[in-house]
Amino acid sequence: MKIISYFNERLRHNFTVWDIKLLQLAAMFLLILLIKFFPQIITLDFWVYFLGMMITVLRPLYALFLQK
């Protein structure tokens, strides 16, 4: 947990909302590049994408609405 605290502190002091959004945009372009290289990703079933979305959204929703 020490490393997570370290990075949380660095992000809190050095990053703005713009930086985080730019990282999200970079991740989107990386995904597009992966789809160009491996078009089989598109043929996966809808539930695979839905499950991936639910897994990745659990922690932010918990931190936003339930954590005090």
C-alpha atoms as a PDB file:
ATOM      1  CA  MET A   1       0.000   0.000   0.000  1.00  0.00           C
ATOM      2  CA  LYS A   2       2.957   2.286   0.371  1.00  0.00           C
ATOM      3  CA  ILE A   3       3.374   2.603  -3.401  1.00  0.00           C
ATOM      4  CA  ILE A   4      -0.315   3.443  -3.890  1.00  0.00           C
ATOM      5  CA  SER A   5      -0.086   6.190  -1.280  1.00  0.00           C
ATOM      6  CA  TYR A   6       3.025   7.542  -2.986  1.00  0.00           C
ATOM      7  CA  PHE A   7       1.334   7.764  -6.378  1.00  0.00           C
ATOM      8  CA  ASN A   8      -1.874   9.183  -4.915  1.00  0.00           C
ATOM      9  CA  GLU A   9       0.129  11.962  -3.318  1.00  0.00           C
ATOM     10  CA  ARG A  10       2.028  12.661  -6.554  1.00  0.00           C
ATOM     11  CA  LEU A  11      -1.183  12.754  -8.574  1.00  0.00           C
ATOM     12  CA  ARG A  12      -2.889  15.033  -6.085  1.00  0.00           C
ATOM     13  CA  HIS A  13      -0.092  17.600  -6.245  1.00  0.00           C
ATOM     14  CA  ASN A  14       1.004  17.405  -9.891  1.00  0.00           C
ATOM     15  CA  PHE A  15      -2.047  16.496 -11.981  1.00  0.00           C
ATOM     16  CA  THR A  16      -5.086  18.511 -12.952  1.00  0.00           C
ATOM     17  CA  VAL A  17      -8.366  17.355 -14.462  1.00  0.00           C
ATOM     18  CA  TRP A  18      -6.946  18.202 -17.896  1.00  0.00           C
ATOM     19  CA  ASP A  19      -4.015  15.833 -17.372  1.00  0.00           C
ATOM     20  CA  ILE A  20      -6.293  12.977 -16.370  1.00  0.00           C
ATOM     21  CA  LYS A  21      -8.587  13.584 -19.356  1.00  0.00           C
ATOM     22  CA  LEU A  22      -5.593  13.648 -21.704  1.00  0.00           C
ATOM     23  CA  LEU A  23      -4.504  10.278 -20.296  1.00  0.00           C
ATOM     24  CA  GLN A  24      -7.995   8.935 -20.949  1.00  0.00           C
ATOM     25  CA  LEU A  25      -7.799  10.191 -24.523  1.00  0.00           C
ATOM     26  CA  ALA A  26      -4.407   8.512 -24.952  1.00  0.00           C
ATOM     27  CA  ALA A  27      -5.885   5.253 -23.648  1.00  0.00           C
ATOM     28  CA  MET A  28      -8.712   5.553 -26.176  1.00  0.00           C
ATOM     29  CA  PHE A  29      -6.227   5.970 -29.018  1.00  0.00           C
ATOM     30  CA  LEU A  30      -4.259   2.974 -27.723  1.00  0.00           C
ATOM     31  CA  LEU A  31      -7.462   0.921 -27.846  1.00  0.00           C
ATOM     32  CA  ILE A  32      -8.116   2.039 -31.423  1.00  0.00           C
ATOM     33  CA  LEU A  33      -4.567   1.037 -32.340  1.00  0.00           C
ATOM     34  CA  LEU A  34      -5.038  -2.388 -30.728  1.00  0.00           C
ATOM     35  CA  ILE A  35      -8.260  -2.887 -32.686  1.00  0.00           C
ATOM     36  CA  LYS A  36      -6.409  -2.016 -35.904  1.00  0.00           C
ATOM     37  CA  PHE A  37      -3.726  -4.613 -35.117  1.00  0.00           C
ATOM     38  CA  PHE A  38      -6.114  -7.284 -33.771  1.00  0.00           C
ATOM     39  CA  PRO A  39      -9.540  -6.939 -35.437  1.00  0.00           C
ATOM     40  CA  GLN A  40     -10.732 -10.120 -33.672  1.00  0.00           C
ATOM     41  CA  ILE A  41     -11.326  -7.952 -30.587  1.00  0.00           C
ATOM     42  CA  ILE A  42     -14.412  -6.517 -32.275  1.00  0.00           C
ATOM     43  CA  THR A  43     -15.978  -9.952 -32.739  1.00  0.00           C
ATOM     44  CA  LEU A  44     -16.206 -10.650 -28.985  1.00  0.00           C
ATOM     45  CA  ASP A  45     -19.650 -11.030 -27.473  1.00  0.00           C
ATOM     46  CA  PHE A  46     -21.426  -7.966 -26.027  1.00  0.00           C
ATOM     47  CA  TRP A  47     -21.258  -9.403 -22.499  1.00  0.00           C
ATOM     48  CA  VAL A  48     -17.449  -9.408 -22.523  1.00  0.00           C
ATOM     49  CA  TYR A  49     -17.430  -5.645 -23.015  1.00  0.00           C
ATOM     50  CA  PHE A  50     -20.207  -5.134 -20.486  1.00  0.00           C
ATOM     51  CA  LEU A  51     -18.403  -7.227 -17.868  1.00  0.00           C
ATOM     52  CA  GLY A  52     -15.162  -5.333 -18.495  1.00  0.00           C
ATOM     53  CA  MET A  53     -16.971  -2.034 -18.089  1.00  0.00           C
ATOM     54  CA  MET A  54     -18.599  -3.121 -14.837  1.00  0.00           C
ATOM     55  CA  ILE A  55     -15.318  -4.340 -13.366  1.00  0.00           C
ATOM     56  CA  THR A  56     -13.513  -1.113 -14.212  1.00  0.00           C
ATOM     57  CA  VAL A  57     -16.277   1.169 -12.949  1.00  0.00           C
ATOM     58  CA  LEU A  58     -16.774  -0.476  -9.536  1.00  0.00           C
ATOM     59  CA  ARG A  59     -13.897   1.218  -7.706  1.00  0.00           C
ATOM     60  CA  PRO A  60     -14.583   4.779  -8.965  1.00  0.00           C
ATOM     61  CA  LEU A  61     -18.288   4.491  -8.161  1.00  0.00           C
ATOM     62  CA  TYR A  62     -17.505   3.165  -4.698  1.00  0.00           C
ATOM     63  CA  ALA A  63     -15.071   6.025  -4.070  1.00  0.00           C
ATOM     64  CA  LEU A  64     -17.521   8.601  -5.394  1.00  0.00           C
ATOM     65  CA  PHE A  65     -20.745   7.528  -3.704  1.00  0.00           C
ATOM     66  CA  LEU A  66     -20.081   5.149  -0.802  1.00  0.00           C
ATOM     67  CA  GLN A  67     -16.668   5.935   0.676  1.00  0.00           C
ATOM     68  CA  LYS A  68     -16.673   8.579   3.398  1.00  0.00           C
END
